[in-house]
């Protein structure tokens, strides 16, 4: 995430100048300019204060794939191409049988 770009977008969307945002947050206008230009990276609490003054909430989310269990992926990658095809065929038959059982109910 580019903190400076996020602040600039939020500020502009709210229709505020850097000076108006400075008055609302107590952060100097030159400080806001340095953040928006990427010359400095704000601390999380500063970023939160700037965004909140623009009506935007800072939300943290787990990184994509952070909780992904890669065990099965590694096991599949150890298989030869022929073994993968055999596994696919078996899985396809199992799925067809499962669907047939559901349809017959």
PDB file of N, CA and C in Angstrom:
ATOM      1  N   UNK A   1       0.839  -1.172   0.000  1.00  0.00           N
ATOM      2  CA  UNK A   1       0.000   0.000   0.000  1.00  0.00           C
ATOM      3  C   UNK A   1       0.885   1.237   0.000  1.00  0.00           C
ATOM      4  N   UNK A   2       0.574   2.182  -0.824  1.00  0.00           N
ATOM      5  CA  UNK A   2       1.277   3.451  -0.868  1.00  0.00           C
ATOM      6  C   UNK A   2       0.524   4.420   0.036  1.00  0.00           C
ATOM      7  N   UNK A   3       1.061   4.669   1.222  1.00  0.00           N
ATOM      8  CA  UNK A   3       0.380   5.508   2.212  1.00  0.00           C
ATOM      9  C   UNK A   3       0.141   6.917   1.683  1.00  0.00           C
ATOM     10  N   UNK A   4       1.146   7.472   1.024  1.00  0.00           N
ATOM     11  CA  UNK A   4       1.002   8.835   0.510  1.00  0.00           C
ATOM     12  C   UNK A   4      -0.108   8.951  -0.511  1.00  0.00           C
ATOM     13  N   UNK A   5      -0.180   7.991  -1.420  1.00  0.00           N
ATOM     14  CA  UNK A   5      -1.240   8.013  -2.434  1.00  0.00           C
ATOM     15  C   UNK A   5      -2.607   7.830  -1.784  1.00  0.00           C
ATOM     16  N   UNK A   6      -2.683   6.996  -0.738  1.00  0.00           N
ATOM     17  CA  UNK A   6      -3.957   6.783  -0.047  1.00  0.00           C
ATOM     18  C   UNK A   6      -4.424   8.076   0.616  1.00  0.00           C
ATOM     19  N   UNK A   7      -3.507   8.792   1.246  1.00  0.00           N
ATOM     20  CA  UNK A   7      -3.865  10.069   1.893  1.00  0.00           C
ATOM     21  C   UNK A   7      -4.313  11.077   0.836  1.00  0.00           C
ATOM     22  N   UNK A   8      -3.555  11.188  -0.244  1.00  0.00           N
ATOM     23  CA  UNK A   8      -3.901  12.135  -1.306  1.00  0.00           C
ATOM     24  C   UNK A   8      -5.284  11.836  -1.889  1.00  0.00           C
ATOM     25  N   UNK A   9      -5.545  10.545  -2.173  1.00  0.00           N
ATOM     26  CA  UNK A   9      -6.853  10.166  -2.729  1.00  0.00           C
ATOM     27  C   UNK A   9      -7.982  10.507  -1.765  1.00  0.00           C
ATOM     28  N   UNK A  10      -7.796  10.162  -0.493  1.00  0.00           N
ATOM     29  CA  UNK A  10      -8.838  10.417   0.507  1.00  0.00           C
ATOM     30  C   UNK A  10      -9.061  11.915   0.686  1.00  0.00           C
ATOM     31  N   UNK A  11      -7.983  12.679   0.724  1.00  0.00           N
ATOM     32  CA  UNK A  11      -8.091  14.129   0.901  1.00  0.00           C
ATOM     33  C   UNK A  11      -8.822  14.775  -0.269  1.00  0.00           C
ATOM     34  N   UNK A  12      -8.443  14.384  -1.475  1.00  0.00           N
ATOM     35  CA  UNK A  12      -9.089  14.952  -2.659  1.00  0.00           C
ATOM     36  C   UNK A  12     -10.558  14.538  -2.756  1.00  0.00           C
ATOM     37  N   UNK A  13     -10.842  13.282  -2.403  1.00  0.00           N
ATOM     38  CA  UNK A  13     -12.230  12.810  -2.443  1.00  0.00           C
ATOM     39  C   UNK A  13     -13.098  13.597  -1.469  1.00  0.00           C
ATOM     40  N   UNK A  14     -12.528  14.026  -0.356  1.00  0.00           N
ATOM     41  CA  UNK A  14     -13.255  14.810   0.642  1.00  0.00           C
ATOM     42  C   UNK A  14     -13.290  16.280   0.258  1.00  0.00           C
ATOM     43  N   UNK A  15     -12.508  16.665  -0.759  1.00  0.00           N
ATOM     44  CA  UNK A  15     -12.482  18.052  -1.219  1.00  0.00           C
ATOM     45  C   UNK A  15     -11.672  18.965  -0.307  1.00  0.00           C
ATOM     46  N   UNK A  16     -10.652  18.416   0.340  1.00  0.00           N
ATOM     47  CA  UNK A  16      -9.836  19.197   1.267  1.00  0.00           C
ATOM     48  C   UNK A  16      -8.503  19.574   0.644  1.00  0.00           C
ATOM     49  N   UNK A  17      -7.992  20.738   1.046  1.00  0.00           N
ATOM     50  CA  UNK A  17      -6.625  21.104   0.692  1.00  0.00           C
ATOM     51  C   UNK A  17      -5.704  20.497   1.746  1.00  0.00           C
ATOM     52  N   UNK A  18      -4.423  20.498   1.459  1.00  0.00           N
ATOM     53  CA  UNK A  18      -3.466  20.016   2.456  1.00  0.00           C
ATOM     54  C   UNK A  18      -3.535  20.880   3.715  1.00  0.00           C
ATOM     55  N   UNK A  19      -3.724  22.182   3.538  1.00  0.00           N
ATOM     56  CA  UNK A  19      -3.795  23.087   4.682  1.00  0.00           C
ATOM     57  C   UNK A  19      -5.031  22.779   5.532  1.00  0.00           C
ATOM     58  N   UNK A  20      -6.167  22.517   4.899  1.00  0.00           N
ATOM     59  CA  UNK A  20      -7.376  22.181   5.653  1.00  0.00           C
ATOM     60  C   UNK A  20      -7.205  20.861   6.418  1.00  0.00           C
ATOM     61  N   UNK A  21      -6.554  19.888   5.773  1.00  0.00           N
ATOM     62  CA  UNK A  21      -6.297  18.613   6.438  1.00  0.00           C
ATOM     63  C   UNK A  21      -5.342  18.821   7.611  1.00  0.00           C
ATOM     64  N   UNK A  22      -4.379  19.714   7.452  1.00  0.00           N
ATOM     65  CA  UNK A  22      -3.434  20.017   8.524  1.00  0.00           C
ATOM     66  C   UNK A  22      -4.165  20.595   9.738  1.00  0.00           C
ATOM     67  N   UNK A  23      -5.100  21.500   9.497  1.00  0.00           N
ATOM     68  CA  UNK A  23      -5.870  22.100  10.593  1.00  0.00           C
ATOM     69  C   UNK A  23      -6.690  21.024  11.306  1.00  0.00           C
ATOM     70  N   UNK A  24      -7.298  20.128  10.556  1.00  0.00           N
ATOM     71  CA  UNK A  24      -8.139  19.073  11.142  1.00  0.00           C
ATOM     72  C   UNK A  24      -7.337  18.068  11.964  1.00  0.00           C
ATOM     73  N   UNK A  25      -6.085  17.828  11.583  1.00  0.00           N
ATOM     74  CA  UNK A  25      -5.312  16.754  12.210  1.00  0.00           C
ATOM     75  C   UNK A  25      -4.208  17.228  13.143  1.00  0.00           C
ATOM     76  N   UNK A  26      -3.831  18.477  13.032  1.00  0.00           N
ATOM     77  CA  UNK A  26      -2.711  18.959  13.832  1.00  0.00           C
ATOM     78  C   UNK A  26      -1.358  18.567  13.260  1.00  0.00           C
ATOM     79  N   UNK A  27      -1.361  18.044  12.057  1.00  0.00           N
ATOM     80  CA  UNK A  27      -0.121  17.688  11.359  1.00  0.00           C
ATOM     81  C   UNK A  27       0.189  18.829  10.401  1.00  0.00           C
ATOM     82  N   UNK A  28       1.419  19.255  10.351  1.00  0.00           N
ATOM     83  CA  UNK A  28       1.748  20.417   9.523  1.00  0.00           C
ATOM     84  C   UNK A  28       1.476  20.151   8.043  1.00  0.00           C
ATOM     85  N   UNK A  29       1.177  21.218   7.322  1.00  0.00           N
ATOM     86  CA  UNK A  29       0.940  21.101   5.880  1.00  0.00           C
ATOM     87  C   UNK A  29       2.181  20.587   5.160  1.00  0.00           C
ATOM     88  N   UNK A  30       3.387  21.082   5.511  1.00  0.00           N
ATOM     89  CA  UNK A  30       4.575  20.512   4.861  1.00  0.00           C
ATOM     90  C   UNK A  30       4.747  19.022   5.177  1.00  0.00           C
ATOM     91  N   UNK A  31       4.370  18.610   6.384  1.00  0.00           N
ATOM     92  CA  UNK A  31       4.438  17.189   6.736  1.00  0.00           C
ATOM     93  C   UNK A  31       3.500  16.364   5.880  1.00  0.00           C
ATOM     94  N   UNK A  32       2.296  16.882   5.653  1.00  0.00           N
ATOM     95  CA  UNK A  32       1.332  16.192   4.791  1.00  0.00           C
ATOM     96  C   UNK A  32       1.865  16.132   3.370  1.00  0.00           C
ATOM     97  N   UNK A  33       2.467  17.207   2.903  1.00  0.00           N
ATOM     98  CA  UNK A  33       3.044  17.227   1.553  1.00  0.00           C
ATOM     99  C   UNK A  33       4.149  16.167   1.419  1.00  0.00           C
ATOM    100  N   UNK A  34       4.989  16.039   2.458  1.00  0.00           N
ATOM    101  CA  UNK A  34       6.059  15.031   2.410  1.00  0.00           C
ATOM    102  C   UNK A  34       5.480  13.617   2.397  1.00  0.00           C
ATOM    103  N   UNK A  35       4.395  13.407   3.150  1.00  0.00           N
ATOM    104  CA  UNK A  35       3.750  12.087   3.164  1.00  0.00           C
ATOM    105  C   UNK A  35       3.155  11.786   1.794  1.00  0.00           C
ATOM    106  N   UNK A  36       2.405  12.739   1.244  1.00  0.00           N
ATOM    107  CA  UNK A  36       1.748  12.517  -0.048  1.00  0.00           C
ATOM    108  C   UNK A  36       2.753  12.310  -1.179  1.00  0.00           C
ATOM    109  N   UNK A  37       3.900  12.957  -1.095  1.00  0.00           N
ATOM    110  CA  UNK A  37       4.907  12.823  -2.157  1.00  0.00           C
ATOM    111  C   UNK A  37       5.733  11.548  -2.003  1.00  0.00           C
ATOM    112  N   UNK A  38       5.577  10.863  -0.861  1.00  0.00           N
ATOM    113  CA  UNK A  38       6.327   9.639  -0.632  1.00  0.00           C
ATOM    114  C   UNK A  38       7.713   9.865  -0.074  1.00  0.00           C
ATOM    115  N   UNK A  39       8.042  11.116   0.274  1.00  0.00           N
ATOM    116  CA  UNK A  39       9.363  11.390   0.839  1.00  0.00           C
ATOM    117  C   UNK A  39       9.501  10.816   2.247  1.00  0.00           C
ATOM    118  N   UNK A  40       8.387  10.720   2.968  1.00  0.00           N
ATOM    119  CA  UNK A  40       8.403  10.063   4.278  1.00  0.00           C
ATOM    120  C   UNK A  40       7.221   9.112   4.364  1.00  0.00           C
ATOM    121  N   UNK A  41       7.371   8.085   5.165  1.00  0.00           N
ATOM    122  CA  UNK A  41       6.294   7.123   5.400  1.00  0.00           C
ATOM    123  C   UNK A  41       5.753   7.373   6.796  1.00  0.00           C
ATOM    124  N   UNK A  42       4.457   7.640   6.895  1.00  0.00           N
ATOM    125  CA  UNK A  42       3.901   7.947   8.211  1.00  0.00           C
ATOM    126  C   UNK A  42       3.781   6.701   9.087  1.00  0.00           C
ATOM    127  N   UNK A  43       3.790   6.907  10.405  1.00  0.00           N
ATOM    128  CA  UNK A  43       3.481   5.817  11.314  1.00  0.00           C
ATOM    129  C   UNK A  43       2.017   5.456  11.123  1.00  0.00           C
ATOM    130  N   UNK A  44       1.644   4.273  11.554  1.00  0.00           N
ATOM    131  CA  UNK A  44       0.276   3.792  11.371  1.00  0.00           C
ATOM    132  C   UNK A  44      -0.722   4.728  12.049  1.00  0.00           C
ATOM    133  N   UNK A  45      -0.410   5.195  13.262  1.00  0.00           N
ATOM    134  CA  UNK A  45      -1.360   6.076  13.957  1.00  0.00           C
ATOM    135  C   UNK A  45      -1.519   7.410  13.227  1.00  0.00           C
ATOM    136  N   UNK A  46      -0.449   7.898  12.608  1.00  0.00           N
ATOM    137  CA  UNK A  46      -0.538   9.145  11.829  1.00  0.00           C
ATOM    138  C   UNK A  46      -1.368   8.923  10.572  1.00  0.00           C
ATOM    139  N   UNK A  47      -1.132   7.823   9.896  1.00  0.00           N
ATOM    140  CA  UNK A  47      -1.905   7.497   8.700  1.00  0.00           C
ATOM    141  C   UNK A  47      -3.385   7.364   9.045  1.00  0.00           C
ATOM    142  N   UNK A  48      -3.667   6.695  10.149  1.00  0.00           N
ATOM    143  CA  UNK A  48      -5.049   6.530  10.597  1.00  0.00           C
ATOM    144  C   UNK A  48      -5.690   7.880  10.881  1.00  0.00           C
ATOM    145  N   UNK A  49      -4.965   8.781  11.537  1.00  0.00           N
ATOM    146  CA  UNK A  49      -5.502  10.108  11.856  1.00  0.00           C
ATOM    147  C   UNK A  49      -5.791  10.909  10.576  1.00  0.00           C
ATOM    148  N   UNK A  50      -4.876  10.847   9.610  1.00  0.00           N
ATOM    149  CA  UNK A  50      -5.076  11.573   8.351  1.00  0.00           C
ATOM    150  C   UNK A  50      -6.288  11.039   7.591  1.00  0.00           C
ATOM    151  N   UNK A  51      -6.381   9.723   7.498  1.00  0.00           N
ATOM    152  CA  UNK A  51      -7.501   9.130   6.763  1.00  0.00           C
ATOM    153  C   UNK A  51      -8.822   9.369   7.481  1.00  0.00           C
ATOM    154  N   UNK A  52      -8.826   9.264   8.805  1.00  0.00           N
ATOM    155  CA  UNK A  52     -10.054   9.488   9.574  1.00  0.00           C
ATOM    156  C   UNK A  52     -10.564  10.911   9.374  1.00  0.00           C
ATOM    157  N   UNK A  53      -9.655  11.875   9.285  1.00  0.00           N
ATOM    158  CA  UNK A  53     -10.051  13.270   9.054  1.00  0.00           C
ATOM    159  C   UNK A  53     -10.690  13.451   7.681  1.00  0.00           C
ATOM    160  N   UNK A  54     -10.433  12.497   6.785  1.00  0.00           N
ATOM    161  CA  UNK A  54     -11.033  12.529   5.443  1.00  0.00           C
ATOM    162  C   UNK A  54     -12.265  11.623   5.362  1.00  0.00           C
ATOM    163  N   UNK A  55     -12.641  11.037   6.489  1.00  0.00           N
ATOM    164  CA  UNK A  55     -13.818  10.168   6.507  1.00  0.00           C
ATOM    165  C   UNK A  55     -13.544   8.758   6.011  1.00  0.00           C
ATOM    166  N   UNK A  56     -12.281   8.346   6.059  1.00  0.00           N
ATOM    167  CA  UNK A  56     -11.898   7.013   5.585  1.00  0.00           C
ATOM    168  C   UNK A  56     -11.324   6.228   6.760  1.00  0.00           C
ATOM    169  N   UNK A  57     -11.754   4.978   6.895  1.00  0.00           N
ATOM    170  CA  UNK A  57     -11.243   4.131   7.964  1.00  0.00           C
ATOM    171  C   UNK A  57     -10.078   3.297   7.456  1.00  0.00           C
ATOM    172  N   UNK A  58      -9.033   3.234   8.251  1.00  0.00           N
ATOM    173  CA  UNK A  58      -7.899   2.383   7.936  1.00  0.00           C
ATOM    174  C   UNK A  58      -8.240   0.983   8.411  1.00  0.00           C
ATOM    175  N   UNK A  59      -8.211   0.016   7.497  1.00  0.00           N
ATOM    176  CA  UNK A  59      -8.535  -1.367   7.845  1.00  0.00           C
ATOM    177  C   UNK A  59      -7.370  -2.261   7.481  1.00  0.00           C
ATOM    178  N   UNK A  60      -7.059  -3.171   8.374  1.00  0.00           N
ATOM    179  CA  UNK A  60      -5.987  -4.117   8.134  1.00  0.00           C
ATOM    180  C   UNK A  60      -6.590  -5.477   7.832  1.00  0.00           C
ATOM    181  N   UNK A  61      -6.036  -6.161   6.843  1.00  0.00           N
ATOM    182  CA  UNK A  61      -6.505  -7.480   6.438  1.00  0.00           C
ATOM    183  C   UNK A  61      -5.304  -8.417   6.360  1.00  0.00           C
ATOM    184  N   UNK A  62      -5.522  -9.692   6.631  1.00  0.00           N
ATOM    185  CA  UNK A  62      -4.409 -10.632   6.471  1.00  0.00           C
ATOM    186  C   UNK A  62      -3.934 -10.642   5.020  1.00  0.00           C
ATOM    187  N   UNK A  63      -2.672 -10.836   4.836  1.00  0.00           N
ATOM    188  CA  UNK A  63      -2.123 -10.907   3.484  1.00  0.00           C
ATOM    189  C   UNK A  63      -2.723 -12.105   2.755  1.00  0.00           C
ATOM    190  N   UNK A  64      -2.984 -11.927   1.487  1.00  0.00           N
ATOM    191  CA  UNK A  64      -3.556 -13.012   0.684  1.00  0.00           C
ATOM    192  C   UNK A  64      -2.639 -14.219   0.730  1.00  0.00           C
ATOM    193  N   UNK A  65      -3.207 -15.360   1.017  1.00  0.00           N
ATOM    194  CA  UNK A  65      -2.445 -16.595   1.054  1.00  0.00           C
ATOM    195  C   UNK A  65      -1.689 -16.825   2.344  1.00  0.00           C
ATOM    196  N   UNK A  66      -1.810 -15.909   3.300  1.00  0.00           N
ATOM    197  CA  UNK A  66      -1.053 -16.047   4.541  1.00  0.00           C
ATOM    198  C   UNK A  66      -1.456 -17.283   5.336  1.00  0.00           C
ATOM    199  N   UNK A  67      -2.720 -17.658   5.265  1.00  0.00           N
ATOM    200  CA  UNK A  67      -3.174 -18.811   6.039  1.00  0.00           C
ATOM    201  C   UNK A  67      -3.391 -20.041   5.154  1.00  0.00           C
ATOM    202  N   UNK A  68      -2.879 -19.990   3.951  1.00  0.00           N
ATOM    203  CA  UNK A  68      -3.043 -21.087   3.006  1.00  0.00           C
ATOM    204  C   UNK A  68      -2.149 -22.263   3.383  1.00  0.00           C
ATOM    205  N   UNK A  69      -2.736 -23.456   3.451  1.00  0.00           N
ATOM    206  CA  UNK A  69      -1.965 -24.665   3.727  1.00  0.00           C
ATOM    207  C   UNK A  69      -1.441 -25.186   2.392  1.00  0.00           C
ATOM    208  N   UNK A  70      -0.157 -25.109   2.212  1.00  0.00           N
ATOM    209  CA  UNK A  70       0.458 -25.487   0.941  1.00  0.00           C
ATOM    210  C   UNK A  70       0.863 -26.966   0.888  1.00  0.00           C
ATOM    211  N   UNK A  71       0.499 -27.732   1.908  1.00  0.00           N
ATOM    212  CA  UNK A  71       0.888 -29.134   1.976  1.00  0.00           C
ATOM    213  C   UNK A  71       0.404 -29.910   0.764  1.00  0.00           C
ATOM    214  N   UNK A  72      -0.873 -29.779   0.430  1.00  0.00           N
ATOM    215  CA  UNK A  72      -1.415 -30.529  -0.710  1.00  0.00           C
ATOM    216  C   UNK A  72      -0.801 -30.069  -2.025  1.00  0.00           C
ATOM    217  N   UNK A  73      -0.519 -28.799  -2.134  1.00  0.00           N
ATOM    218  CA  UNK A  73       0.106 -28.292  -3.356  1.00  0.00           C
ATOM    219  C   UNK A  73       1.479 -28.939  -3.542  1.00  0.00           C
ATOM    220  N   UNK A  74       2.260 -28.980  -2.459  1.00  0.00           N
ATOM    221  CA  UNK A  74       3.592 -29.596  -2.542  1.00  0.00           C
ATOM    222  C   UNK A  74       3.498 -31.071  -2.911  1.00  0.00           C
ATOM    223  N   UNK A  75       2.505 -31.773  -2.315  1.00  0.00           N
ATOM    224  CA  UNK A  75       2.333 -33.202  -2.621  1.00  0.00           C
ATOM    225  C   UNK A  75       1.994 -33.402  -4.096  1.00  0.00           C
ATOM    226  N   UNK A  76       1.130 -32.557  -4.635  1.00  0.00           N
ATOM    227  CA  UNK A  76       0.774 -32.684  -6.055  1.00  0.00           C
ATOM    228  C   UNK A  76       1.962 -32.377  -6.959  1.00  0.00           C
ATOM    229  N   UNK A  77       2.787 -31.427  -6.567  1.00  0.00           N
ATOM    230  CA  UNK A  77       3.939 -31.065  -7.390  1.00  0.00           C
ATOM    231  C   UNK A  77       5.003 -32.165  -7.403  1.00  0.00           C
ATOM    232  N   UNK A  78       4.990 -33.031  -6.403  1.00  0.00           N
ATOM    233  CA  UNK A  78       5.942 -34.150  -6.369  1.00  0.00           C
ATOM    234  C   UNK A  78       5.551 -35.262  -7.343  1.00  0.00           C
ATOM    235  N   UNK A  79       4.284 -35.270  -7.763  1.00  0.00           N
ATOM    236  CA  UNK A  79       3.808 -36.316  -8.682  1.00  0.00           C
ATOM    237  C   UNK A  79       4.340 -36.082 -10.082  1.00  0.00           C
ATOM    238  N   UNK A  80       4.489 -37.179 -10.825  1.00  0.00           N
ATOM    239  CA  UNK A  80       4.866 -37.056 -12.235  1.00  0.00           C
ATOM    240  C   UNK A  80       3.625 -36.619 -13.011  1.00  0.00           C
ATOM    241  N   UNK A  81       3.780 -36.137 -14.224  1.00  0.00           N
ATOM    242  CA  UNK A  81       2.620 -35.779 -15.029  1.00  0.00           C
ATOM    243  C   UNK A  81       1.636 -36.945 -15.199  1.00  0.00           C
ATOM    244  N   UNK A  82       2.150 -38.153 -15.418  1.00  0.00           N
ATOM    245  CA  UNK A  82       1.269 -39.327 -15.564  1.00  0.00           C
ATOM    246  C   UNK A  82       0.484 -39.581 -14.279  1.00  0.00           C
ATOM    247  N   UNK A  83       1.155 -39.453 -13.123  1.00  0.00           N
ATOM    248  CA  UNK A  83       0.467 -39.654 -11.842  1.00  0.00           C
ATOM    249  C   UNK A  83      -0.610 -38.593 -11.623  1.00  0.00           C
ATOM    250  N   UNK A  84      -0.338 -37.383 -12.058  1.00  0.00           N
ATOM    251  CA  UNK A  84      -1.338 -36.310 -11.927  1.00  0.00           C
ATOM    252  C   UNK A  84      -2.560 -36.611 -12.793  1.00  0.00           C
ATOM    253  N   UNK A  85      -2.325 -37.119 -13.998  1.00  0.00           N
ATOM    254  CA  UNK A  85      -3.443 -37.467 -14.899  1.00  0.00           C
ATOM    255  C   UNK A  85      -4.268 -38.591 -14.289  1.00  0.00           C
ATOM    256  N   UNK A  86      -3.612 -39.589 -13.728  1.00  0.00           N
ATOM    257  CA  UNK A  86      -4.338 -40.692 -13.088  1.00  0.00           C
ATOM    258  C   UNK A  86      -5.172 -40.179 -11.915  1.00  0.00           C
ATOM    259  N   UNK A  87      -4.603 -39.284 -11.130  1.00  0.00           N
ATOM    260  CA  UNK A  87      -5.335 -38.710  -9.997  1.00  0.00           C
ATOM    261  C   UNK A  87      -6.534 -37.898 -10.493  1.00  0.00           C
ATOM    262  N   UNK A  88      -6.350 -37.159 -11.564  1.00  0.00           N
ATOM    263  CA  UNK A  88      -7.438 -36.384 -12.152  1.00  0.00           C
ATOM    264  C   UNK A  88      -8.556 -37.299 -12.646  1.00  0.00           C
ATOM    265  N   UNK A  89      -8.196 -38.372 -13.310  1.00  0.00           N
ATOM    266  CA  UNK A  89      -9.201 -39.316 -13.803  1.00  0.00           C
ATOM    267  C   UNK A  89      -9.980 -39.926 -12.641  1.00  0.00           C
ATOM    268  N   UNK A  90      -9.273 -40.308 -11.587  1.00  0.00           N
ATOM    269  CA  UNK A  90      -9.931 -40.889 -10.412  1.00  0.00           C
ATOM    270  C   UNK A  90     -10.870 -39.864  -9.762  1.00  0.00           C
ATOM    271  N   UNK A  91     -10.393 -38.641  -9.617  1.00  0.00           N
ATOM    272  CA  UNK A  91     -11.218 -37.582  -9.029  1.00  0.00           C
ATOM    273  C   UNK A  91     -12.439 -37.306  -9.887  1.00  0.00           C
ATOM    274  N   UNK A  92     -12.266 -37.352 -11.199  1.00  0.00           N
ATOM    275  CA  UNK A  92     -13.372 -37.120 -12.126  1.00  0.00           C
ATOM    276  C   UNK A  92     -14.434 -38.212 -11.984  1.00  0.00           C
ATOM    277  N   UNK A  93     -13.991 -39.472 -11.880  1.00  0.00           N
ATOM    278  CA  UNK A  93     -14.941 -40.584 -11.668  1.00  0.00           C
ATOM    279  C   UNK A  93     -15.676 -40.430 -10.343  1.00  0.00           C
ATOM    280  N   UNK A  94     -14.943 -40.075  -9.283  1.00  0.00           N
ATOM    281  CA  UNK A  94     -15.564 -39.883  -7.975  1.00  0.00           C
ATOM    282  C   UNK A  94     -16.615 -38.770  -8.019  1.00  0.00           C
ATOM    283  N   UNK A  95     -16.299 -37.692  -8.695  1.00  0.00           N
ATOM    284  CA  UNK A  95     -17.240 -36.585  -8.804  1.00  0.00           C
ATOM    285  C   UNK A  95     -18.474 -37.003  -9.595  1.00  0.00           C
ATOM    286  N   UNK A  96     -18.280 -37.739 -10.685  1.00  0.00           N
ATOM    287  CA  UNK A  96     -19.407 -38.203 -11.500  1.00  0.00           C
ATOM    288  C   UNK A  96     -20.313 -39.116 -10.677  1.00  0.00           C
ATOM    289  N   UNK A  97     -19.725 -40.013  -9.878  1.00  0.00           N
ATOM    290  CA  UNK A  97     -20.525 -40.897  -9.025  1.00  0.00           C
ATOM    291  C   UNK A  97     -21.279 -40.104  -7.962  1.00  0.00           C
ATOM    292  N   UNK A  98     -20.632 -39.132  -7.387  1.00  0.00           N
ATOM    293  CA  UNK A  98     -21.268 -38.297  -6.376  1.00  0.00           C
ATOM    294  C   UNK A  98     -22.466 -37.559  -6.967  1.00  0.00           C
ATOM    295  N   UNK A  99     -22.254 -36.931  -8.110  1.00  0.00           N
ATOM    296  CA  UNK A  99     -23.348 -36.182  -8.754  1.00  0.00           C
ATOM    297  C   UNK A  99     -24.493 -37.094  -9.168  1.00  0.00           C
ATOM    298  N   UNK A 100     -24.171 -38.304  -9.644  1.00  0.00           N
ATOM    299  CA  UNK A 100     -25.213 -39.256 -10.005  1.00  0.00           C
ATOM    300  C   UNK A 100     -26.037 -39.626  -8.792  1.00  0.00           C
ATOM    301  N   UNK A 101     -25.382 -39.812  -7.656  1.00  0.00           N
ATOM    302  CA  UNK A 101     -26.089 -40.124  -6.411  1.00  0.00           C
ATOM    303  C   UNK A 101     -27.014 -38.988  -5.972  1.00  0.00           C
ATOM    304  N   UNK A 102     -26.598 -37.776  -6.157  1.00  0.00           N
ATOM    305  CA  UNK A 102     -27.438 -36.620  -5.787  1.00  0.00           C
ATOM    306  C   UNK A 102     -28.637 -36.535  -6.714  1.00  0.00           C
ATOM    307  N   UNK A 103     -28.423 -36.739  -7.982  1.00  0.00           N
ATOM    308  CA  UNK A 103     -29.508 -36.627  -8.971  1.00  0.00           C
ATOM    309  C   UNK A 103     -30.556 -37.728  -8.782  1.00  0.00           C
ATOM    310  N   UNK A 104     -30.138 -38.891  -8.278  1.00  0.00           N
ATOM    311  CA  UNK A 104     -31.079 -40.013  -8.150  1.00  0.00           C
ATOM    312  C   UNK A 104     -31.957 -39.888  -6.914  1.00  0.00           C
ATOM    313  N   UNK A 105     -31.710 -38.924  -6.070  1.00  0.00           N
ATOM    314  CA  UNK A 105     -32.512 -38.763  -4.844  1.00  0.00           C
ATOM    315  C   UNK A 105     -33.836 -38.144  -5.133  1.00  0.00           C
TER     316      UNK A 105
END
